[in-house]
Amino acid sequence: FADNIGQKMVQAGFDVCVNPFGTLYNPLSILKALE
């Protein structure tokens, strides 16, 4: 769903970076990606 909304934001011209590690599913992997 982050990919879906992120792509909509890209198409709408927002300054956005979407899932630079690819799709992430669980909370801990998202935290590790941010780190």
PDB file of all heavy atoms in Angstrom:
ATOM      1  N   PHE A   1       0.833  -1.199   0.000  1.00  0.00           N
ATOM      2  CA  PHE A   1       0.000   0.000   0.000  1.00  0.00           C
ATOM      3  C   PHE A   1       0.871   1.253   0.000  1.00  0.00           C
ATOM      4  O   PHE A   1       0.486   2.281  -0.585  1.00  0.00           O
ATOM      5  CB  PHE A   1      -0.936   0.002   1.205  1.00  0.00           C
ATOM      6  CG  PHE A   1      -1.867   1.183   1.238  1.00  0.00           C
ATOM      7  CD1 PHE A   1      -2.863   1.314   0.278  1.00  0.00           C
ATOM      8  CD2 PHE A   1      -1.749   2.154   2.206  1.00  0.00           C
ATOM      9  CE1 PHE A   1      -3.718   2.402   0.301  1.00  0.00           C
ATOM     10  CE2 PHE A   1      -2.598   3.239   2.234  1.00  0.00           C
ATOM     11  CZ  PHE A   1      -3.589   3.367   1.284  1.00  0.00           C
ATOM     12  N   ALA A   2       2.053   1.190   0.620  1.00  0.00           N
ATOM     13  CA  ALA A   2       2.998   2.308   0.550  1.00  0.00           C
ATOM     14  C   ALA A   2       3.447   2.522  -0.885  1.00  0.00           C
ATOM     15  O   ALA A   2       3.588   3.666  -1.352  1.00  0.00           O
ATOM     16  CB  ALA A   2       4.204   2.043   1.453  1.00  0.00           C
ATOM     17  N   ASP A   3       3.673   1.424  -1.621  1.00  0.00           N
ATOM     18  CA  ASP A   3       4.015   1.535  -3.039  1.00  0.00           C
ATOM     19  C   ASP A   3       2.881   2.205  -3.812  1.00  0.00           C
ATOM     20  O   ASP A   3       3.120   3.068  -4.665  1.00  0.00           O
ATOM     21  CB  ASP A   3       4.285   0.148  -3.633  1.00  0.00           C
ATOM     22  CG  ASP A   3       5.539  -0.503  -3.068  1.00  0.00           C
ATOM     23  OD1 ASP A   3       6.498   0.217  -2.777  1.00  0.00           O
ATOM     24  OD2 ASP A   3       5.537  -1.737  -2.933  1.00  0.00           O
ATOM     25  N   ASN A   4       1.628   1.802  -3.528  1.00  0.00           N
ATOM     26  CA  ASN A   4       0.469   2.361  -4.229  1.00  0.00           C
ATOM     27  C   ASN A   4       0.351   3.872  -4.005  1.00  0.00           C
ATOM     28  O   ASN A   4       0.259   4.648  -4.964  1.00  0.00           O
ATOM     29  CB  ASN A   4      -0.824   1.687  -3.764  1.00  0.00           C
ATOM     30  CG  ASN A   4      -0.921   0.216  -4.116  1.00  0.00           C
ATOM     31  OD1 ASN A   4      -1.521  -0.558  -3.385  1.00  0.00           O
ATOM     32  ND2 ASN A   4      -0.327  -0.179  -5.219  1.00  0.00           N
ATOM     33  N   ILE A   5       0.366   4.263  -2.739  1.00  0.00           N
ATOM     34  CA  ILE A   5       0.201   5.686  -2.407  1.00  0.00           C
ATOM     35  C   ILE A   5       1.432   6.477  -2.829  1.00  0.00           C
ATOM     36  O   ILE A   5       1.325   7.606  -3.325  1.00  0.00           O
ATOM     37  CB  ILE A   5      -0.086   5.856  -0.905  1.00  0.00           C
ATOM     38  CG1 ILE A   5      -1.461   5.268  -0.564  1.00  0.00           C
ATOM     39  CG2 ILE A   5      -0.022   7.323  -0.494  1.00  0.00           C
ATOM     40  CD1 ILE A   5      -2.621   5.916  -1.302  1.00  0.00           C
ATOM     41  N   GLY A   6       2.611   5.885  -2.642  1.00  0.00           N
ATOM     42  CA  GLY A   6       3.841   6.559  -3.044  1.00  0.00           C
ATOM     43  C   GLY A   6       3.861   6.848  -4.532  1.00  0.00           C
ATOM     44  O   GLY A   6       4.277   7.933  -4.963  1.00  0.00           O
ATOM     45  N   GLN A   7       3.402   5.890  -5.345  1.00  0.00           N
ATOM     46  CA  GLN A   7       3.365   6.108  -6.788  1.00  0.00           C
ATOM     47  C   GLN A   7       2.376   7.203  -7.156  1.00  0.00           C
ATOM     48  O   GLN A   7       2.623   8.007  -8.066  1.00  0.00           O
ATOM     49  CB  GLN A   7       3.000   4.803  -7.502  1.00  0.00           C
ATOM     50  CG  GLN A   7       3.160   4.848  -9.014  1.00  0.00           C
ATOM     51  CD  GLN A   7       4.584   5.202  -9.432  1.00  0.00           C
ATOM     52  OE1 GLN A   7       5.559   4.782  -8.827  1.00  0.00           O
ATOM     53  NE2 GLN A   7       4.695   6.025 -10.471  1.00  0.00           N
ATOM     54  N   LYS A   8       1.258   7.256  -6.442  1.00  0.00           N
ATOM     55  CA  LYS A   8       0.294   8.334  -6.658  1.00  0.00           C
ATOM     56  C   LYS A   8       0.927   9.693  -6.350  1.00  0.00           C
ATOM     57  O   LYS A   8       0.683  10.681  -7.059  1.00  0.00           O
ATOM     58  CB  LYS A   8      -0.934   8.123  -5.773  1.00  0.00           C
ATOM     59  CG  LYS A   8      -1.864   7.023  -6.243  1.00  0.00           C
ATOM     60  CD  LYS A   8      -2.614   7.460  -7.482  1.00  0.00           C
ATOM     61  CE  LYS A   8      -3.657   6.452  -7.895  1.00  0.00           C
ATOM     62  NZ  LYS A   8      -4.328   6.853  -9.155  1.00  0.00           N
ATOM     63  N   MET A   9       1.754   9.740  -5.322  1.00  0.00           N
ATOM     64  CA  MET A   9       2.408  10.990  -4.950  1.00  0.00           C
ATOM     65  C   MET A   9       3.430  11.398  -6.010  1.00  0.00           C
ATOM     66  O   MET A   9       3.564  12.584  -6.329  1.00  0.00           O
ATOM     67  CB  MET A   9       3.062  10.845  -3.577  1.00  0.00           C
ATOM     68  CG  MET A   9       2.067  10.609  -2.458  1.00  0.00           C
ATOM     69  SD  MET A   9       2.843  10.441  -0.837  1.00  0.00           S
ATOM     70  CE  MET A   9       3.218  12.154  -0.493  1.00  0.00           C
ATOM     71  N   VAL A  10       4.153  10.423  -6.532  1.00  0.00           N
ATOM     72  CA  VAL A  10       5.103  10.709  -7.618  1.00  0.00           C
ATOM     73  C   VAL A  10       4.358  11.297  -8.810  1.00  0.00           C
ATOM     74  O   VAL A  10       4.765  12.320  -9.385  1.00  0.00           O
ATOM     75  CB  VAL A  10       5.855   9.427  -8.025  1.00  0.00           C
ATOM     76  CG1 VAL A  10       6.659   9.664  -9.296  1.00  0.00           C
ATOM     77  CG2 VAL A  10       6.780   8.963  -6.899  1.00  0.00           C
ATOM     78  N   GLN A  11       3.254  10.662  -9.195  1.00  0.00           N
ATOM     79  CA  GLN A  11       2.474  11.109 -10.346  1.00  0.00           C
ATOM     80  C   GLN A  11       1.887  12.497 -10.137  1.00  0.00           C
ATOM     81  O   GLN A  11       1.702  13.259 -11.097  1.00  0.00           O
ATOM     82  CB  GLN A  11       1.359  10.106 -10.637  1.00  0.00           C
ATOM     83  CG  GLN A  11       1.857   8.737 -11.077  1.00  0.00           C
ATOM     84  CD  GLN A  11       0.767   7.687 -11.097  1.00  0.00           C
ATOM     85  OE1 GLN A  11      -0.412   7.974 -10.812  1.00  0.00           O
ATOM     86  NE2 GLN A  11       1.126   6.457 -11.440  1.00  0.00           N
ATOM     87  N   ALA A  12       1.611  12.837  -8.871  1.00  0.00           N
ATOM     88  CA  ALA A  12       1.016  14.135  -8.548  1.00  0.00           C
ATOM     89  C   ALA A  12       2.070  15.225  -8.337  1.00  0.00           C
ATOM     90  O   ALA A  12       1.709  16.354  -7.998  1.00  0.00           O
ATOM     91  CB  ALA A  12       0.126  14.011  -7.316  1.00  0.00           C
ATOM     92  N   GLY A  13       3.348  14.879  -8.497  1.00  0.00           N
ATOM     93  CA  GLY A  13       4.390  15.893  -8.462  1.00  0.00           C
ATOM     94  C   GLY A  13       4.936  16.239  -7.099  1.00  0.00           C
ATOM     95  O   GLY A  13       5.615  17.270  -6.942  1.00  0.00           O
ATOM     96  N   PHE A  14       4.698  15.385  -6.088  1.00  0.00           N
ATOM     97  CA  PHE A  14       5.275  15.636  -4.763  1.00  0.00           C
ATOM     98  C   PHE A  14       6.763  15.297  -4.760  1.00  0.00           C
ATOM     99  O   PHE A  14       7.232  14.478  -5.570  1.00  0.00           O
ATOM    100  CB  PHE A  14       4.561  14.790  -3.704  1.00  0.00           C
ATOM    101  CG  PHE A  14       3.183  15.282  -3.358  1.00  0.00           C
ATOM    102  CD1 PHE A  14       2.071  14.791  -4.018  1.00  0.00           C
ATOM    103  CD2 PHE A  14       2.996  16.223  -2.362  1.00  0.00           C
ATOM    104  CE1 PHE A  14       0.800  15.232  -3.718  1.00  0.00           C
ATOM    105  CE2 PHE A  14       1.717  16.677  -2.035  1.00  0.00           C
ATOM    106  CZ  PHE A  14       0.622  16.180  -2.711  1.00  0.00           C
ATOM    107  N   ASP A  15       7.509  15.906  -3.858  1.00  0.00           N
ATOM    108  CA  ASP A  15       8.922  15.594  -3.657  1.00  0.00           C
ATOM    109  C   ASP A  15       8.981  14.395  -2.710  1.00  0.00           C
ATOM    110  O   ASP A  15       8.867  14.540  -1.494  1.00  0.00           O
ATOM    111  CB  ASP A  15       9.640  16.804  -3.054  1.00  0.00           C
ATOM    112  CG  ASP A  15      11.159  16.622  -3.003  1.00  0.00           C
ATOM    113  OD1 ASP A  15      11.653  15.572  -3.454  1.00  0.00           O
ATOM    114  OD2 ASP A  15      11.834  17.534  -2.484  1.00  0.00           O
ATOM    115  N   VAL A  16       9.135  13.198  -3.269  1.00  0.00           N
ATOM    116  CA  VAL A  16       8.916  11.979  -2.492  1.00  0.00           C
ATOM    117  C   VAL A  16       9.955  10.918  -2.846  1.00  0.00           C
ATOM    118  O   VAL A  16      10.420  10.828  -3.980  1.00  0.00           O
ATOM    119  CB  VAL A  16       7.472  11.455  -2.731  1.00  0.00           C
ATOM    120  CG1 VAL A  16       7.243  11.135  -4.182  1.00  0.00           C
ATOM    121  CG2 VAL A  16       7.146  10.265  -1.856  1.00  0.00           C
ATOM    122  N   CYS A  17      10.322  10.123  -1.846  1.00  0.00           N
ATOM    123  CA  CYS A  17      11.180   8.951  -2.020  1.00  0.00           C
ATOM    124  C   CYS A  17      10.384   7.746  -1.527  1.00  0.00           C
ATOM    125  O   CYS A  17       9.922   7.733  -0.373  1.00  0.00           O
ATOM    126  CB  CYS A  17      12.477   9.108  -1.228  1.00  0.00           C
ATOM    127  SG  CYS A  17      13.559   7.660  -1.238  1.00  0.00           S
ATOM    128  N   VAL A  18      10.222   6.734  -2.388  1.00  0.00           N
ATOM    129  CA  VAL A  18       9.343   5.606  -2.076  1.00  0.00           C
ATOM    130  C   VAL A  18      10.139   4.315  -1.961  1.00  0.00           C
ATOM    131  O   VAL A  18      10.814   3.896  -2.909  1.00  0.00           O
ATOM    132  CB  VAL A  18       8.251   5.447  -3.160  1.00  0.00           C
ATOM    133  CG1 VAL A  18       7.294   4.318  -2.793  1.00  0.00           C
ATOM    134  CG2 VAL A  18       7.496   6.746  -3.364  1.00  0.00           C
ATOM    135  N   ASN A  19      10.087   3.693  -0.795  1.00  0.00           N
ATOM    136  CA  ASN A  19      10.634   2.351  -0.550  1.00  0.00           C
ATOM    137  C   ASN A  19      11.991   2.108  -1.219  1.00  0.00           C
ATOM    138  O   ASN A  19      12.109   1.285  -2.141  1.00  0.00           O
ATOM    139  CB  ASN A  19       9.632   1.286  -0.999  1.00  0.00           C
ATOM    140  CG  ASN A  19       8.650   0.913   0.093  1.00  0.00           C
ATOM    141  OD1 ASN A  19       8.887   1.162   1.276  1.00  0.00           O
ATOM    142  ND2 ASN A  19       7.550   0.305  -0.275  1.00  0.00           N
ATOM    143  N   PRO A  20      13.042   2.780  -0.736  1.00  0.00           N
ATOM    144  CA  PRO A  20      14.362   2.612  -1.355  1.00  0.00           C
ATOM    145  C   PRO A  20      14.993   1.235  -1.131  1.00  0.00           C
ATOM    146  O   PRO A  20      16.024   0.932  -1.743  1.00  0.00           O
ATOM    147  CB  PRO A  20      15.193   3.708  -0.682  1.00  0.00           C
ATOM    148  CG  PRO A  20      14.506   3.978   0.613  1.00  0.00           C
ATOM    149  CD  PRO A  20      13.046   3.790   0.336  1.00  0.00           C
ATOM    150  N   PHE A  21      14.389   0.385  -0.284  1.00  0.00           N
ATOM    151  CA  PHE A  21      14.816  -0.998  -0.133  1.00  0.00           C
ATOM    152  C   PHE A  21      13.808  -1.957  -0.770  1.00  0.00           C
ATOM    153  O   PHE A  21      13.935  -3.168  -0.630  1.00  0.00           O
ATOM    154  CB  PHE A  21      14.986  -1.366   1.340  1.00  0.00           C
ATOM    155  CG  PHE A  21      16.028  -0.546   2.059  1.00  0.00           C
ATOM    156  CD1 PHE A  21      15.663   0.508   2.882  1.00  0.00           C
ATOM    157  CD2 PHE A  21      17.375  -0.819   1.897  1.00  0.00           C
ATOM    158  CE1 PHE A  21      16.607   1.270   3.524  1.00  0.00           C
ATOM    159  CE2 PHE A  21      18.341  -0.064   2.551  1.00  0.00           C
ATOM    160  CZ  PHE A  21      17.960   0.990   3.359  1.00  0.00           C
ATOM    161  N   GLY A  22      12.803  -1.413  -1.431  1.00  0.00           N
ATOM    162  CA  GLY A  22      11.709  -2.229  -1.925  1.00  0.00           C
ATOM    163  C   GLY A  22      10.636  -2.368  -0.852  1.00  0.00           C
ATOM    164  O   GLY A  22      10.731  -1.803   0.241  1.00  0.00           O
ATOM    165  N   THR A  23       9.618  -3.134  -1.145  1.00  0.00           N
ATOM    166  CA  THR A  23       8.478  -3.294  -0.245  1.00  0.00           C
ATOM    167  C   THR A  23       8.908  -3.936   1.074  1.00  0.00           C
ATOM    168  O   THR A  23       9.619  -4.942   1.092  1.00  0.00           O
ATOM    169  CB  THR A  23       7.407  -4.177  -0.912  1.00  0.00           C
ATOM    170  OG1 THR A  23       7.145  -3.679  -2.228  1.00  0.00           O
ATOM    171  CG2 THR A  23       6.129  -4.169  -0.112  1.00  0.00           C
ATOM    172  N   LEU A  24       8.455  -3.336   2.180  1.00  0.00           N
ATOM    173  CA  LEU A  24       8.748  -3.842   3.523  1.00  0.00           C
ATOM    174  C   LEU A  24       7.435  -4.119   4.234  1.00  0.00           C
ATOM    175  O   LEU A  24       6.500  -3.320   4.148  1.00  0.00           O
ATOM    176  CB  LEU A  24       9.559  -2.808   4.322  1.00  0.00           C
ATOM    177  CG  LEU A  24      10.902  -2.378   3.713  1.00  0.00           C
ATOM    178  CD1 LEU A  24      11.486  -1.201   4.493  1.00  0.00           C
ATOM    179  CD2 LEU A  24      11.880  -3.537   3.690  1.00  0.00           C
ATOM    180  N   TYR A  25       7.376  -5.218   4.959  1.00  0.00           N
ATOM    181  CA  TYR A  25       6.096  -5.656   5.492  1.00  0.00           C
ATOM    182  C   TYR A  25       5.951  -5.507   7.003  1.00  0.00           C
ATOM    183  O   TYR A  25       4.891  -5.127   7.485  1.00  0.00           O
ATOM    184  CB  TYR A  25       5.851  -7.128   5.106  1.00  0.00           C
ATOM    185  CG  TYR A  25       5.853  -7.348   3.620  1.00  0.00           C
ATOM    186  CD1 TYR A  25       6.992  -7.819   2.963  1.00  0.00           C
ATOM    187  CD2 TYR A  25       4.724  -7.071   2.855  1.00  0.00           C
ATOM    188  CE1 TYR A  25       7.002  -8.004   1.590  1.00  0.00           C
ATOM    189  CE2 TYR A  25       4.716  -7.263   1.479  1.00  0.00           C
ATOM    190  CZ  TYR A  25       5.863  -7.725   0.852  1.00  0.00           C
ATOM    191  OH  TYR A  25       5.879  -7.902  -0.509  1.00  0.00           O
ATOM    192  N   ASN A  26       6.986  -5.820   7.759  1.00  0.00           N
ATOM    193  CA  ASN A  26       6.837  -5.846   9.212  1.00  0.00           C
ATOM    194  C   ASN A  26       7.463  -4.619   9.863  1.00  0.00           C
ATOM    195  O   ASN A  26       8.373  -3.992   9.294  1.00  0.00           O
ATOM    196  CB  ASN A  26       7.427  -7.147   9.785  1.00  0.00           C
ATOM    197  CG  ASN A  26       8.943  -7.166   9.720  1.00  0.00           C
ATOM    198  OD1 ASN A  26       9.624  -6.528  10.526  1.00  0.00           O
ATOM    199  ND2 ASN A  26       9.501  -7.891   8.753  1.00  0.00           N
ATOM    200  N   PRO A  27       7.016  -4.239  11.061  1.00  0.00           N
ATOM    201  CA  PRO A  27       7.480  -3.007  11.708  1.00  0.00           C
ATOM    202  C   PRO A  27       8.985  -2.971  11.967  1.00  0.00           C
ATOM    203  O   PRO A  27       9.616  -1.924  11.802  1.00  0.00           O
ATOM    204  CB  PRO A  27       6.709  -2.992  13.033  1.00  0.00           C
ATOM    205  CG  PRO A  27       5.512  -3.839  12.794  1.00  0.00           C
ATOM    206  CD  PRO A  27       5.942  -4.902  11.835  1.00  0.00           C
ATOM    207  N   LEU A  28       9.582  -4.098  12.372  1.00  0.00           N
ATOM    208  CA  LEU A  28      10.998  -4.077  12.715  1.00  0.00           C
ATOM    209  C   LEU A  28      11.865  -3.849  11.475  1.00  0.00           C
ATOM    210  O   LEU A  28      12.867  -3.126  11.525  1.00  0.00           O
ATOM    211  CB  LEU A  28      11.409  -5.369  13.419  1.00  0.00           C
ATOM    212  CG  LEU A  28      12.834  -5.372  13.990  1.00  0.00           C
ATOM    213  CD1 LEU A  28      13.045  -4.211  14.966  1.00  0.00           C
ATOM    214  CD2 LEU A  28      13.148  -6.699  14.679  1.00  0.00           C
ATOM    215  N   SER A  29      11.498  -4.428  10.357  1.00  0.00           N
ATOM    216  CA  SER A  29      12.258  -4.208   9.124  1.00  0.00           C
ATOM    217  C   SER A  29      12.187  -2.744   8.690  1.00  0.00           C
ATOM    218  O   SER A  29      13.150  -2.189   8.149  1.00  0.00           O
ATOM    219  CB  SER A  29      11.738  -5.121   8.008  1.00  0.00           C
ATOM    220  OG  SER A  29      12.067  -6.471   8.273  1.00  0.00           O
ATOM    221  N   ILE A  30      11.055  -2.098   8.938  1.00  0.00           N
ATOM    222  CA  ILE A  30      10.925  -0.676   8.618  1.00  0.00           C
ATOM    223  C   ILE A  30      11.832   0.152   9.522  1.00  0.00           C
ATOM    224  O   ILE A  30      12.523   1.075   9.060  1.00  0.00           O
ATOM    225  CB  ILE A  30       9.455  -0.235   8.738  1.00  0.00           C
ATOM    226  CG1 ILE A  30       8.619  -0.936   7.658  1.00  0.00           C
ATOM    227  CG2 ILE A  30       9.325   1.287   8.619  1.00  0.00           C
ATOM    228  CD1 ILE A  30       7.123  -0.739   7.803  1.00  0.00           C
ATOM    229  N   LEU A  31      11.876  -0.181  10.811  1.00  0.00           N
ATOM    230  CA  LEU A  31      12.783   0.516  11.725  1.00  0.00           C
ATOM    231  C   LEU A  31      14.232   0.328  11.300  1.00  0.00           C
ATOM    232  O   LEU A  31      15.015   1.295  11.261  1.00  0.00           O
ATOM    233  CB  LEU A  31      12.580   0.005  13.155  1.00  0.00           C
ATOM    234  CG  LEU A  31      13.587   0.504  14.213  1.00  0.00           C
ATOM    235  CD1 LEU A  31      13.589   2.024  14.294  1.00  0.00           C
ATOM    236  CD2 LEU A  31      13.303  -0.124  15.570  1.00  0.00           C
ATOM    237  N   LYS A  32      14.622  -0.899  10.963  1.00  0.00           N
ATOM    238  CA  LYS A  32      16.002  -1.168  10.548  1.00  0.00           C
ATOM    239  C   LYS A  32      16.350  -0.418   9.258  1.00  0.00           C
ATOM    240  O   LYS A  32      17.472   0.066   9.081  1.00  0.00           O
ATOM    241  CB  LYS A  32      16.216  -2.672  10.363  1.00  0.00           C
ATOM    242  CG  LYS A  32      16.123  -3.488  11.655  1.00  0.00           C
ATOM    243  CD  LYS A  32      17.167  -3.049  12.661  1.00  0.00           C
ATOM    244  CE  LYS A  32      17.104  -3.868  13.933  1.00  0.00           C
ATOM    245  NZ  LYS A  32      18.078  -3.379  14.946  1.00  0.00           N
ATOM    246  N   ALA A  33      15.369  -0.321   8.347  1.00  0.00           N
ATOM    247  CA  ALA A  33      15.595   0.423   7.110  1.00  0.00           C
ATOM    248  C   ALA A  33      15.851   1.896   7.406  1.00  0.00           C
ATOM    249  O   ALA A  33      16.745   2.523   6.816  1.00  0.00           O
ATOM    250  CB  ALA A  33      14.396   0.266   6.180  1.00  0.00           C
ATOM    251  N   LEU A  34      15.090   2.467   8.330  1.00  0.00           N
ATOM    252  CA  LEU A  34      15.286   3.867   8.712  1.00  0.00           C
ATOM    253  C   LEU A  34      16.660   4.072   9.337  1.00  0.00           C
ATOM    254  O   LEU A  34      17.338   5.076   9.066  1.00  0.00           O
ATOM    255  CB  LEU A  34      14.185   4.313   9.662  1.00  0.00           C
ATOM    256  CG  LEU A  34      12.851   4.684   9.006  1.00  0.00           C
ATOM    257  CD1 LEU A  34      11.742   4.756  10.039  1.00  0.00           C
ATOM    258  CD2 LEU A  34      12.971   6.008   8.265  1.00  0.00           C
ATOM    259  N   GLU A  35      17.073   3.125  10.171  1.00  0.00           N
ATOM    260  CA  GLU A  35      18.407   3.224  10.775  1.00  0.00           C
ATOM    261  C   GLU A  35      19.490   3.198   9.704  1.00  0.00           C
ATOM    262  O   GLU A  35      20.482   3.939   9.785  1.00  0.00           O
ATOM    263  CB  GLU A  35      18.603   2.091  11.785  1.00  0.00           C
ATOM    264  CG  GLU A  35      17.746   2.220  13.036  1.00  0.00           C
ATOM    265  CD  GLU A  35      17.821   1.015  13.954  1.00  0.00           C
ATOM    266  OE1 GLU A  35      18.347  -0.043  13.523  1.00  0.00           O
ATOM    267  OE2 GLU A  35      17.345   1.108  15.102  1.00  0.00           O
TER     268      GLU A  35
END
